[in-house]
C-alpha cells in the first residue's frame, strides 16, 4: 500500500512539474496574455480538468517553482539551531537556497516575467505576503530581540532586490554573491 501511495505522489509531482515547465516555456515564448490554460494543458499533455486539479490558473502554474523554493526557504530557516539569531537563520537559509537554485536561467526568467506582466507580479506579491507570515513564524522560534515580521519582510525584499540586480547584471556573477552583498547591507541593522 505504501509503495502505491509513493508512486501516486511521485506521479502527481511529475505532472505538476511538467505543467509548470510548459507554462513557463509558453509564457516566455508567446507572452503571458497570449497563453491560455488550454494551451498549457495541451503542452503538458493533460486535460483542462486535470490542469485545474493542480493549479487555480496560469499564474499559479508559472510561479509554482518559486513557491517550491519558498517552502525550502522556510524549512531551512526552521532547521537552523535555536542559538542562531533570526537574521542569521534567514541569511543561512537564503545561502542554501541559492546553492540549490537549479538552472540559473529559471530564476532569472521568472524574475523577468514578473516584471513584465502585472498579473504575475500581483500573484507573486500575494505569495510573498503568505511567505512573510511563514518566515516570521519560523524566525520567532529563534531567540531574537528583533521583530520577526520585520526581518521576514526585509529578507523577502533583499531576495527581490537581489533577483532584480542579478537579472539587470545579466547574471554576470552568481546569485548567491548578489544575495550576500544585499544581505550584508541590510543586515547592518539586524546583525
N, C-alpha and C. Protein backbone atom coordinates (compact mmCIF):
# COMPACT_ATOMS: atom_id res chain seq x y z
N UNK A 1 0.82 -1.19 0.00
CA UNK A 1 0.00 0.00 0.00
C UNK A 1 0.86 1.26 0.00
N UNK A 2 1.93 1.26 0.82
CA UNK A 2 2.81 2.43 0.89
C UNK A 2 3.50 2.71 -0.43
N UNK A 3 3.90 1.63 -1.17
CA UNK A 3 4.57 1.85 -2.44
C UNK A 3 3.60 2.44 -3.45
N UNK A 4 2.32 2.07 -3.39
CA UNK A 4 1.32 2.64 -4.29
C UNK A 4 1.15 4.13 -4.00
N UNK A 5 1.06 4.46 -2.72
CA UNK A 5 0.93 5.86 -2.35
C UNK A 5 2.16 6.64 -2.80
N UNK A 6 3.33 6.05 -2.61
CA UNK A 6 4.56 6.72 -3.04
C UNK A 6 4.58 6.94 -4.54
N UNK A 7 4.16 5.95 -5.30
CA UNK A 7 4.12 6.06 -6.75
C UNK A 7 3.10 7.11 -7.17
N UNK A 8 1.95 7.10 -6.53
CA UNK A 8 0.90 8.08 -6.86
C UNK A 8 1.39 9.50 -6.59
N UNK A 9 2.05 9.69 -5.45
CA UNK A 9 2.56 11.02 -5.11
C UNK A 9 3.67 11.45 -6.07
N UNK A 10 4.52 10.51 -6.47
CA UNK A 10 5.57 10.84 -7.44
C UNK A 10 4.97 11.24 -8.79
N UNK A 11 3.94 10.52 -9.21
CA UNK A 11 3.30 10.85 -10.49
C UNK A 11 2.65 12.23 -10.43
N UNK A 12 2.02 12.55 -9.30
CA UNK A 12 1.43 13.87 -9.13
C UNK A 12 2.51 14.96 -9.19
N UNK A 13 3.62 14.71 -8.52
CA UNK A 13 4.72 15.68 -8.53
C UNK A 13 5.28 15.86 -9.93
N UNK A 14 5.41 14.77 -10.68
CA UNK A 14 5.91 14.84 -12.05
C UNK A 14 4.94 15.62 -12.93
N UNK A 15 3.65 15.38 -12.76
CA UNK A 15 2.64 16.11 -13.55
C UNK A 15 2.69 17.59 -13.23
N UNK A 16 2.74 17.92 -11.95
CA UNK A 16 2.81 19.33 -11.53
C UNK A 16 4.05 20.00 -12.14
N UNK A 17 5.18 19.33 -12.08
CA UNK A 17 6.42 19.88 -12.65
C UNK A 17 6.30 20.06 -14.15
N UNK A 18 5.70 19.09 -14.82
CA UNK A 18 5.51 19.16 -16.27
C UNK A 18 4.62 20.34 -16.67
N UNK A 19 3.54 20.53 -15.93
CA UNK A 19 2.64 21.66 -16.21
C UNK A 19 3.36 22.98 -15.96
N UNK A 20 4.09 23.06 -14.87
CA UNK A 20 4.85 24.27 -14.55
C UNK A 20 5.84 24.60 -15.67
N UNK A 21 6.62 23.60 -16.08
CA UNK A 21 7.61 23.82 -17.14
C UNK A 21 6.95 24.25 -18.44
N UNK A 22 5.81 23.63 -18.79
CA UNK A 22 5.08 24.02 -20.00
C UNK A 22 4.60 25.46 -19.89
N UNK A 23 4.09 25.84 -18.73
CA UNK A 23 3.59 27.20 -18.54
C UNK A 23 4.71 28.22 -18.70
N UNK A 24 5.84 27.98 -18.05
CA UNK A 24 6.96 28.92 -18.15
C UNK A 24 7.45 29.01 -19.59
N UNK A 25 7.61 27.87 -20.23
CA UNK A 25 8.11 27.85 -21.62
C UNK A 25 7.17 28.63 -22.55
N UNK A 26 5.87 28.39 -22.45
CA UNK A 26 4.91 29.08 -23.33
C UNK A 26 4.84 30.57 -23.05
N UNK A 27 4.85 30.94 -21.78
CA UNK A 27 4.78 32.37 -21.43
C UNK A 27 6.04 33.09 -21.90
N UNK A 28 7.19 32.44 -21.76
CA UNK A 28 8.42 33.06 -22.26
C UNK A 28 8.37 33.24 -23.78
N UNK A 29 7.82 32.26 -24.47
CA UNK A 29 7.80 32.28 -25.93
C UNK A 29 6.74 33.22 -26.50
N UNK A 30 5.52 33.21 -25.92
CA UNK A 30 4.41 33.94 -26.51
C UNK A 30 3.93 35.14 -25.69
N UNK A 31 4.37 35.25 -24.48
CA UNK A 31 3.90 36.32 -23.61
C UNK A 31 2.74 35.82 -22.75
N UNK A 32 2.64 36.38 -21.57
CA UNK A 32 1.66 35.91 -20.60
C UNK A 32 0.23 36.01 -21.11
N UNK A 33 -0.13 37.15 -21.70
CA UNK A 33 -1.50 37.38 -22.13
C UNK A 33 -1.92 36.48 -23.28
N UNK A 34 -0.98 36.04 -24.09
CA UNK A 34 -1.31 35.21 -25.26
C UNK A 34 -1.46 33.73 -24.92
N UNK A 35 -1.04 33.34 -23.75
CA UNK A 35 -1.08 31.92 -23.37
C UNK A 35 -2.34 31.63 -22.57
N UNK A 36 -3.04 30.57 -22.97
CA UNK A 36 -4.25 30.16 -22.26
C UNK A 36 -3.96 28.93 -21.41
N UNK A 37 -4.85 28.67 -20.48
CA UNK A 37 -4.75 27.46 -19.67
C UNK A 37 -4.84 26.24 -20.57
N UNK A 38 -5.70 26.31 -21.57
CA UNK A 38 -5.84 25.19 -22.51
C UNK A 38 -4.53 24.92 -23.23
N UNK A 39 -3.83 25.97 -23.64
CA UNK A 39 -2.55 25.79 -24.33
C UNK A 39 -1.52 25.14 -23.40
N UNK A 40 -1.53 25.55 -22.13
CA UNK A 40 -0.61 24.96 -21.16
C UNK A 40 -0.95 23.49 -20.96
N UNK A 41 -2.23 23.20 -20.81
CA UNK A 41 -2.66 21.80 -20.62
C UNK A 41 -2.27 20.95 -21.82
N UNK A 42 -2.48 21.48 -23.02
CA UNK A 42 -2.09 20.74 -24.23
C UNK A 42 -0.59 20.49 -24.27
N UNK A 43 0.19 21.51 -23.94
CA UNK A 43 1.65 21.37 -23.96
C UNK A 43 2.13 20.36 -22.93
N UNK A 44 1.41 20.23 -21.82
CA UNK A 44 1.77 19.29 -20.76
C UNK A 44 1.12 17.92 -21.00
N UNK A 45 0.34 17.81 -22.07
CA UNK A 45 -0.32 16.57 -22.43
C UNK A 45 -1.31 16.09 -21.37
N UNK A 46 -2.09 17.06 -20.86
CA UNK A 46 -3.14 16.75 -19.89
C UNK A 46 -4.41 17.48 -20.30
N UNK A 47 -5.52 17.14 -19.66
CA UNK A 47 -6.78 17.82 -19.95
C UNK A 47 -6.87 19.12 -19.16
N UNK A 48 -7.80 19.97 -19.57
CA UNK A 48 -8.05 21.23 -18.85
C UNK A 48 -8.50 20.91 -17.43
N UNK A 49 -9.29 19.88 -17.27
CA UNK A 49 -9.77 19.49 -15.95
C UNK A 49 -8.61 19.04 -15.06
N UNK A 50 -7.69 18.28 -15.63
CA UNK A 50 -6.53 17.84 -14.87
C UNK A 50 -5.69 19.05 -14.46
N UNK A 51 -5.55 20.02 -15.36
CA UNK A 51 -4.83 21.26 -15.03
C UNK A 51 -5.44 21.87 -13.77
N UNK A 52 -6.77 21.94 -13.74
CA UNK A 52 -7.48 22.55 -12.61
C UNK A 52 -7.30 21.77 -11.31
N UNK A 53 -6.98 20.49 -11.40
CA UNK A 53 -6.70 19.71 -10.20
C UNK A 53 -5.37 20.12 -9.57
N UNK A 54 -4.50 20.71 -10.37
CA UNK A 54 -3.16 21.06 -9.88
C UNK A 54 -2.98 22.56 -9.63
N UNK A 55 -3.60 23.38 -10.47
CA UNK A 55 -3.39 24.83 -10.38
C UNK A 55 -4.71 25.58 -10.56
N UNK A 56 -4.85 26.70 -9.85
CA UNK A 56 -6.05 27.53 -9.96
C UNK A 56 -6.06 28.34 -11.25
N UNK A 57 -4.89 28.64 -11.78
CA UNK A 57 -4.79 29.43 -13.00
C UNK A 57 -3.37 29.43 -13.53
N UNK A 58 -3.18 30.12 -14.64
CA UNK A 58 -1.85 30.09 -15.26
C UNK A 58 -0.80 30.82 -14.42
N UNK A 59 -1.23 31.81 -13.62
CA UNK A 59 -0.28 32.48 -12.74
C UNK A 59 0.33 31.48 -11.76
N UNK A 60 -0.53 30.66 -11.19
CA UNK A 60 -0.05 29.64 -10.24
C UNK A 60 0.90 28.66 -10.90
N UNK A 61 0.57 28.27 -12.13
CA UNK A 61 1.42 27.32 -12.84
C UNK A 61 2.80 27.91 -13.13
N UNK A 62 2.83 29.17 -13.52
CA UNK A 62 4.11 29.82 -13.83
C UNK A 62 4.94 30.00 -12.57
N UNK A 63 4.31 30.37 -11.47
CA UNK A 63 5.05 30.70 -10.24
C UNK A 63 5.25 29.51 -9.31
N UNK A 64 4.81 28.32 -9.68
CA UNK A 64 4.91 27.15 -8.82
C UNK A 64 6.35 26.86 -8.38
N UNK A 65 7.31 26.96 -9.29
CA UNK A 65 8.71 26.70 -8.93
C UNK A 65 9.20 27.65 -7.85
N UNK A 66 8.78 28.89 -7.95
CA UNK A 66 9.14 29.87 -6.92
C UNK A 66 8.52 29.49 -5.58
N UNK A 67 7.28 29.05 -5.61
CA UNK A 67 6.62 28.63 -4.37
C UNK A 67 7.36 27.46 -3.73
N UNK A 68 7.86 26.56 -4.55
CA UNK A 68 8.61 25.42 -4.02
C UNK A 68 9.89 25.89 -3.34
N UNK A 69 10.54 26.88 -3.94
CA UNK A 69 11.74 27.45 -3.31
C UNK A 69 11.39 28.10 -1.98
N UNK A 70 10.22 28.75 -1.92
CA UNK A 70 9.80 29.38 -0.67
C UNK A 70 9.62 28.34 0.43
N UNK A 71 9.03 27.21 0.09
CA UNK A 71 8.86 26.15 1.09
C UNK A 71 10.22 25.65 1.57
N UNK A 72 11.16 25.56 0.65
CA UNK A 72 12.52 25.15 1.02
C UNK A 72 13.15 26.19 1.95
N UNK A 73 12.95 27.46 1.64
CA UNK A 73 13.50 28.54 2.46
C UNK A 73 12.97 28.46 3.89
N UNK A 74 11.66 28.29 4.05
CA UNK A 74 11.07 28.20 5.38
C UNK A 74 11.62 26.98 6.11
N UNK A 75 11.71 25.86 5.42
CA UNK A 75 12.23 24.63 6.05
C UNK A 75 13.68 24.82 6.50
N UNK A 76 14.48 25.51 5.70
CA UNK A 76 15.88 25.74 6.06
C UNK A 76 16.00 26.69 7.26
N UNK A 77 15.11 27.68 7.34
CA UNK A 77 15.12 28.58 8.50
C UNK A 77 14.81 27.77 9.75
N UNK A 78 13.79 26.94 9.66
CA UNK A 78 13.41 26.12 10.82
C UNK A 78 14.49 25.12 11.21
N UNK A 79 15.32 24.72 10.26
CA UNK A 79 16.37 23.74 10.53
C UNK A 79 17.59 24.36 11.23
N UNK A 80 17.64 25.68 11.32
CA UNK A 80 18.77 26.34 11.95
C UNK A 80 18.74 26.12 13.46
N UNK A 81 19.90 26.06 14.09
CA UNK A 81 19.93 25.87 15.56
C UNK A 81 19.25 27.04 16.27
N UNK A 82 18.59 26.78 17.39
CA UNK A 82 17.88 27.85 18.09
C UNK A 82 18.80 28.92 18.66
N UNK A 83 20.09 28.66 18.72
CA UNK A 83 21.04 29.65 19.23
C UNK A 83 21.38 30.71 18.19
N UNK A 84 21.01 30.46 16.94
CA UNK A 84 21.31 31.39 15.85
C UNK A 84 20.29 32.52 15.85
N UNK A 85 20.73 33.74 15.61
CA UNK A 85 19.79 34.87 15.54
C UNK A 85 18.86 34.68 14.35
N UNK A 86 17.72 35.32 14.42
CA UNK A 86 16.76 35.22 13.33
C UNK A 86 17.33 35.65 11.99
N UNK A 87 18.05 36.76 11.99
CA UNK A 87 18.63 37.27 10.74
C UNK A 87 19.66 36.29 10.18
N UNK A 88 20.49 35.74 11.06
CA UNK A 88 21.49 34.78 10.59
C UNK A 88 20.81 33.51 10.08
N UNK A 89 19.72 33.09 10.71
CA UNK A 89 18.98 31.92 10.23
C UNK A 89 18.44 32.18 8.82
N UNK A 90 17.89 33.38 8.60
CA UNK A 90 17.40 33.75 7.27
C UNK A 90 18.53 33.77 6.26
N UNK A 91 19.62 34.40 6.64
CA UNK A 91 20.75 34.54 5.72
C UNK A 91 21.33 33.17 5.34
N UNK A 92 21.47 32.29 6.31
CA UNK A 92 21.99 30.95 6.03
C UNK A 92 21.01 30.19 5.13
N UNK A 93 19.73 30.31 5.41
CA UNK A 93 18.72 29.63 4.59
C UNK A 93 18.73 30.15 3.16
N UNK A 94 18.89 31.45 2.98
CA UNK A 94 18.96 32.02 1.62
C UNK A 94 20.21 31.51 0.91
N UNK A 95 21.30 31.42 1.63
CA UNK A 95 22.55 30.91 1.04
C UNK A 95 22.34 29.48 0.54
N UNK A 96 21.73 28.65 1.36
CA UNK A 96 21.44 27.27 0.97
C UNK A 96 20.51 27.24 -0.24
N UNK A 97 19.50 28.09 -0.21
CA UNK A 97 18.55 28.16 -1.32
C UNK A 97 19.25 28.54 -2.62
N UNK A 98 20.14 29.51 -2.56
CA UNK A 98 20.86 29.94 -3.77
C UNK A 98 21.73 28.82 -4.32
N UNK A 99 22.28 28.01 -3.45
CA UNK A 99 23.10 26.89 -3.92
C UNK A 99 22.25 25.84 -4.62
N UNK A 100 20.98 25.76 -4.25
CA UNK A 100 20.08 24.76 -4.83
C UNK A 100 19.18 25.35 -5.91
N UNK A 101 19.45 26.53 -6.36
CA UNK A 101 18.54 27.26 -7.24
C UNK A 101 18.24 26.50 -8.53
N UNK A 102 19.03 25.52 -8.89
CA UNK A 102 18.80 24.82 -10.14
C UNK A 102 19.37 25.64 -11.27
N UNK A 103 18.84 25.43 -12.47
CA UNK A 103 19.36 26.20 -13.60
C UNK A 103 19.22 27.70 -13.35
N UNK A 104 20.31 28.46 -13.40
CA UNK A 104 20.24 29.89 -13.10
C UNK A 104 19.23 30.63 -13.95
N UNK A 105 19.04 30.18 -15.18
CA UNK A 105 18.12 30.85 -16.08
C UNK A 105 16.68 30.80 -15.61
N UNK A 106 16.31 29.77 -14.86
CA UNK A 106 14.92 29.63 -14.42
C UNK A 106 14.52 30.75 -13.47
N UNK A 107 15.36 31.03 -12.48
CA UNK A 107 15.05 32.10 -11.53
C UNK A 107 15.05 33.44 -12.27
N UNK A 108 16.03 33.64 -13.13
CA UNK A 108 16.12 34.89 -13.88
C UNK A 108 14.90 35.06 -14.79
N UNK A 109 14.49 33.98 -15.43
CA UNK A 109 13.35 34.04 -16.32
C UNK A 109 12.08 34.44 -15.58
N UNK A 110 11.85 33.84 -14.42
CA UNK A 110 10.66 34.17 -13.65
C UNK A 110 10.71 35.61 -13.15
N UNK A 111 11.88 36.09 -12.81
CA UNK A 111 12.02 37.48 -12.37
C UNK A 111 11.66 38.42 -13.51
N UNK A 112 12.16 38.13 -14.71
CA UNK A 112 11.84 38.97 -15.87
C UNK A 112 10.34 38.92 -16.19
N UNK A 113 9.76 37.71 -16.13
CA UNK A 113 8.33 37.57 -16.43
C UNK A 113 7.48 38.38 -15.47
N UNK A 114 7.79 38.32 -14.18
CA UNK A 114 7.01 39.05 -13.19
C UNK A 114 7.13 40.56 -13.40
N UNK A 115 8.31 41.01 -13.80
CA UNK A 115 8.50 42.44 -14.04
C UNK A 115 7.68 42.91 -15.25
N UNK A 116 7.50 42.05 -16.23
CA UNK A 116 6.80 42.42 -17.47
C UNK A 116 5.29 42.27 -17.41
N UNK A 117 4.80 41.41 -16.54
CA UNK A 117 3.37 41.08 -16.55
C UNK A 117 2.73 41.38 -15.20
N UNK A 118 1.92 42.42 -15.14
CA UNK A 118 1.30 42.83 -13.87
C UNK A 118 0.53 41.71 -13.16
N UNK A 119 -0.14 40.84 -13.91
CA UNK A 119 -0.90 39.75 -13.27
C UNK A 119 0.03 38.80 -12.52
N UNK A 120 1.18 38.52 -13.12
CA UNK A 120 2.16 37.66 -12.45
C UNK A 120 2.76 38.36 -11.25
N UNK A 121 3.05 39.63 -11.40
CA UNK A 121 3.62 40.39 -10.29
C UNK A 121 2.65 40.44 -9.11
N UNK A 122 1.37 40.66 -9.41
CA UNK A 122 0.37 40.70 -8.34
C UNK A 122 0.29 39.35 -7.63
N UNK A 123 0.30 38.28 -8.39
CA UNK A 123 0.24 36.94 -7.78
C UNK A 123 1.51 36.68 -6.97
N UNK A 124 2.65 37.11 -7.49
CA UNK A 124 3.92 36.92 -6.80
C UNK A 124 3.91 37.69 -5.47
N UNK A 125 3.39 38.90 -5.47
CA UNK A 125 3.31 39.69 -4.23
C UNK A 125 2.38 39.04 -3.21
N UNK A 126 1.29 38.45 -3.69
CA UNK A 126 0.39 37.72 -2.78
C UNK A 126 1.11 36.52 -2.18
N UNK A 127 1.88 35.83 -3.00
CA UNK A 127 2.67 34.69 -2.49
C UNK A 127 3.68 35.16 -1.46
N UNK A 128 4.29 36.31 -1.71
CA UNK A 128 5.29 36.84 -0.78
C UNK A 128 4.67 37.20 0.56
N UNK A 129 3.43 37.70 0.54
CA UNK A 129 2.75 38.03 1.80
C UNK A 129 2.54 36.77 2.64
N UNK A 130 2.15 35.69 1.99
CA UNK A 130 1.97 34.43 2.71
C UNK A 130 3.31 33.91 3.22
N UNK A 131 4.33 34.02 2.39
CA UNK A 131 5.66 33.57 2.80
C UNK A 131 6.19 34.40 3.96
N UNK A 132 5.91 35.68 3.93
CA UNK A 132 6.36 36.56 5.01
C UNK A 132 5.81 36.08 6.36
N UNK A 133 4.55 35.71 6.38
CA UNK A 133 3.95 35.19 7.61
C UNK A 133 4.63 33.89 8.06
N UNK A 134 4.89 32.99 7.10
CA UNK A 134 5.55 31.73 7.44
C UNK A 134 6.97 31.95 7.96
N UNK A 135 7.69 32.85 7.30
CA UNK A 135 9.06 33.15 7.75
C UNK A 135 9.06 33.79 9.13
N UNK A 136 8.13 34.71 9.37
CA UNK A 136 8.05 35.36 10.68
C UNK A 136 7.80 34.32 11.77
N UNK A 137 6.94 33.38 11.48
CA UNK A 137 6.68 32.31 12.45
C UNK A 137 7.92 31.46 12.66
N UNK A 138 8.63 31.13 11.58
CA UNK A 138 9.85 30.33 11.70
C UNK A 138 10.93 31.07 12.48
N UNK A 139 11.06 32.36 12.24
CA UNK A 139 12.06 33.15 12.95
C UNK A 139 11.73 33.27 14.42
N UNK A 140 10.44 33.36 14.74
CA UNK A 140 10.06 33.53 16.13
C UNK A 140 10.45 32.33 16.97
N UNK A 141 10.79 31.22 16.31
CA UNK A 141 11.27 30.05 17.02
C UNK A 141 12.72 30.23 17.47
N UNK A 142 13.36 31.27 16.98
CA UNK A 142 14.75 31.58 17.34
C UNK A 142 14.75 32.75 18.31
N UNK A 143 15.50 32.65 19.38
CA UNK A 143 15.55 33.79 20.30
C UNK A 143 16.17 35.00 19.60
N UNK A 144 15.47 36.08 19.59
CA UNK A 144 15.98 37.27 18.92
C UNK A 144 15.24 38.49 19.45
N UNK A 145 15.95 39.59 19.70
CA UNK A 145 15.27 40.80 20.14
C UNK A 145 14.59 41.53 18.98
N UNK A 146 14.85 41.09 17.79
CA UNK A 146 14.32 41.76 16.60
C UNK A 146 12.96 41.19 16.24
N UNK A 147 12.09 42.05 15.85
CA UNK A 147 10.74 41.62 15.49
C UNK A 147 10.80 40.70 14.26
N UNK A 148 10.26 39.50 14.39
CA UNK A 148 10.30 38.53 13.30
C UNK A 148 9.64 39.00 12.01
N UNK A 149 8.56 39.73 12.11
CA UNK A 149 7.88 40.17 10.88
C UNK A 149 8.74 41.17 10.11
N UNK A 150 9.46 42.03 10.80
CA UNK A 150 10.32 43.00 10.13
C UNK A 150 11.45 42.26 9.41
N UNK A 151 12.03 41.28 10.09
CA UNK A 151 13.11 40.52 9.46
C UNK A 151 12.62 39.72 8.26
N UNK A 152 11.43 39.12 8.38
CA UNK A 152 10.88 38.36 7.26
C UNK A 152 10.65 39.27 6.06
N UNK A 153 10.07 40.45 6.30
CA UNK A 153 9.84 41.40 5.21
C UNK A 153 11.16 41.88 4.61
N UNK A 154 12.15 42.13 5.45
CA UNK A 154 13.46 42.56 4.95
C UNK A 154 14.11 41.45 4.13
N UNK A 155 13.98 40.22 4.58
CA UNK A 155 14.54 39.08 3.85
C UNK A 155 13.93 38.98 2.45
N UNK A 156 12.62 39.07 2.38
CA UNK A 156 11.95 38.97 1.07
C UNK A 156 12.31 40.15 0.18
N UNK A 157 12.42 41.33 0.77
CA UNK A 157 12.85 42.50 -0.02
C UNK A 157 14.26 42.29 -0.54
N UNK A 158 15.13 41.77 0.31
CA UNK A 158 16.51 41.50 -0.11
C UNK A 158 16.54 40.50 -1.26
N UNK A 159 15.73 39.45 -1.17
CA UNK A 159 15.67 38.46 -2.25
C UNK A 159 15.17 39.08 -3.54
N UNK A 160 14.13 39.92 -3.43
CA UNK A 160 13.58 40.57 -4.62
C UNK A 160 14.61 41.49 -5.26
N UNK A 161 15.27 42.30 -4.44
CA UNK A 161 16.29 43.22 -4.95
C UNK A 161 17.44 42.42 -5.56
N UNK A 162 17.86 41.36 -4.89
CA UNK A 162 18.96 40.54 -5.41
C UNK A 162 18.61 39.93 -6.75
N UNK A 163 17.41 39.39 -6.88
CA UNK A 163 16.99 38.79 -8.15
C UNK A 163 16.97 39.84 -9.26
N UNK A 164 16.46 41.04 -8.94
CA UNK A 164 16.41 42.10 -9.95
C UNK A 164 17.81 42.57 -10.34
N UNK A 165 18.69 42.76 -9.37
CA UNK A 165 20.07 43.17 -9.67
C UNK A 165 20.75 42.09 -10.51
N UNK A 166 20.56 40.85 -10.13
CA UNK A 166 21.18 39.72 -10.84
C UNK A 166 20.75 39.68 -12.30
N UNK A 167 19.44 39.90 -12.53
CA UNK A 167 18.93 39.91 -13.90
C UNK A 167 19.46 41.13 -14.65
N UNK A 168 19.45 42.29 -13.99
CA UNK A 168 19.96 43.51 -14.63
C UNK A 168 21.43 43.39 -14.99
N UNK A 169 22.19 42.68 -14.16
CA UNK A 169 23.62 42.45 -14.45
C UNK A 169 23.82 41.31 -15.43
N UNK A 170 22.73 40.79 -15.98
CA UNK A 170 22.75 39.68 -16.93
C UNK A 170 23.48 38.46 -16.36
N UNK A 171 23.25 38.21 -15.08
CA UNK A 171 23.77 37.04 -14.37
C UNK A 171 25.30 36.95 -14.48
N UNK A 172 25.94 38.12 -14.43
CA UNK A 172 27.40 38.18 -14.56
C UNK A 172 28.13 37.53 -13.39
N UNK A 173 27.49 37.45 -12.26
CA UNK A 173 28.09 36.80 -11.08
C UNK A 173 27.04 35.89 -10.47
N UNK A 174 27.46 34.97 -9.64
CA UNK A 174 26.48 34.04 -9.06
C UNK A 174 25.43 34.77 -8.21
N UNK A 175 24.21 34.25 -8.25
CA UNK A 175 23.12 34.82 -7.47
C UNK A 175 23.46 34.87 -5.99
N UNK A 176 24.13 33.85 -5.50
CA UNK A 176 24.47 33.82 -4.08
C UNK A 176 25.38 34.99 -3.71
N UNK A 177 26.25 35.40 -4.62
CA UNK A 177 27.13 36.55 -4.37
C UNK A 177 26.33 37.84 -4.27
N UNK A 178 25.35 38.00 -5.16
CA UNK A 178 24.49 39.19 -5.12
C UNK A 178 23.67 39.19 -3.83
N UNK A 179 23.13 38.02 -3.46
CA UNK A 179 22.36 37.91 -2.21
C UNK A 179 23.23 38.27 -1.01
N UNK A 180 24.44 37.74 -0.97
CA UNK A 180 25.34 38.04 0.15
C UNK A 180 25.58 39.54 0.29
N UNK A 181 25.81 40.20 -0.83
CA UNK A 181 26.07 41.64 -0.81
C UNK A 181 24.86 42.40 -0.24
N UNK A 182 23.67 42.05 -0.70
CA UNK A 182 22.47 42.76 -0.26
C UNK A 182 22.14 42.41 1.18
N UNK A 183 22.30 41.15 1.56
CA UNK A 183 22.03 40.77 2.94
C UNK A 183 23.04 41.43 3.89
N UNK A 184 24.26 41.58 3.45
CA UNK A 184 25.26 42.26 4.28
C UNK A 184 24.84 43.70 4.53
N UNK A 185 24.38 44.36 3.47
CA UNK A 185 23.95 45.75 3.59
C UNK A 185 22.73 45.87 4.51
N UNK A 186 21.75 45.01 4.29
CA UNK A 186 20.53 45.08 5.11
C UNK A 186 20.79 44.61 6.54
N UNK A 187 21.69 43.67 6.69
CA UNK A 187 21.94 43.07 7.98
C UNK A 187 22.63 43.98 8.98
N UNK A 188 23.13 45.09 8.52
CA UNK A 188 23.79 46.02 9.46
C UNK A 188 22.83 46.41 10.58
N UNK A 189 21.54 46.43 10.25
CA UNK A 189 20.53 46.78 11.26
C UNK A 189 20.11 45.58 12.11
N UNK A 190 20.25 44.38 11.55
CA UNK A 190 19.73 43.20 12.21
C UNK A 190 20.81 42.32 12.84
N UNK A 191 22.02 42.43 12.34
CA UNK A 191 23.12 41.59 12.61
C UNK A 191 23.31 40.94 13.89
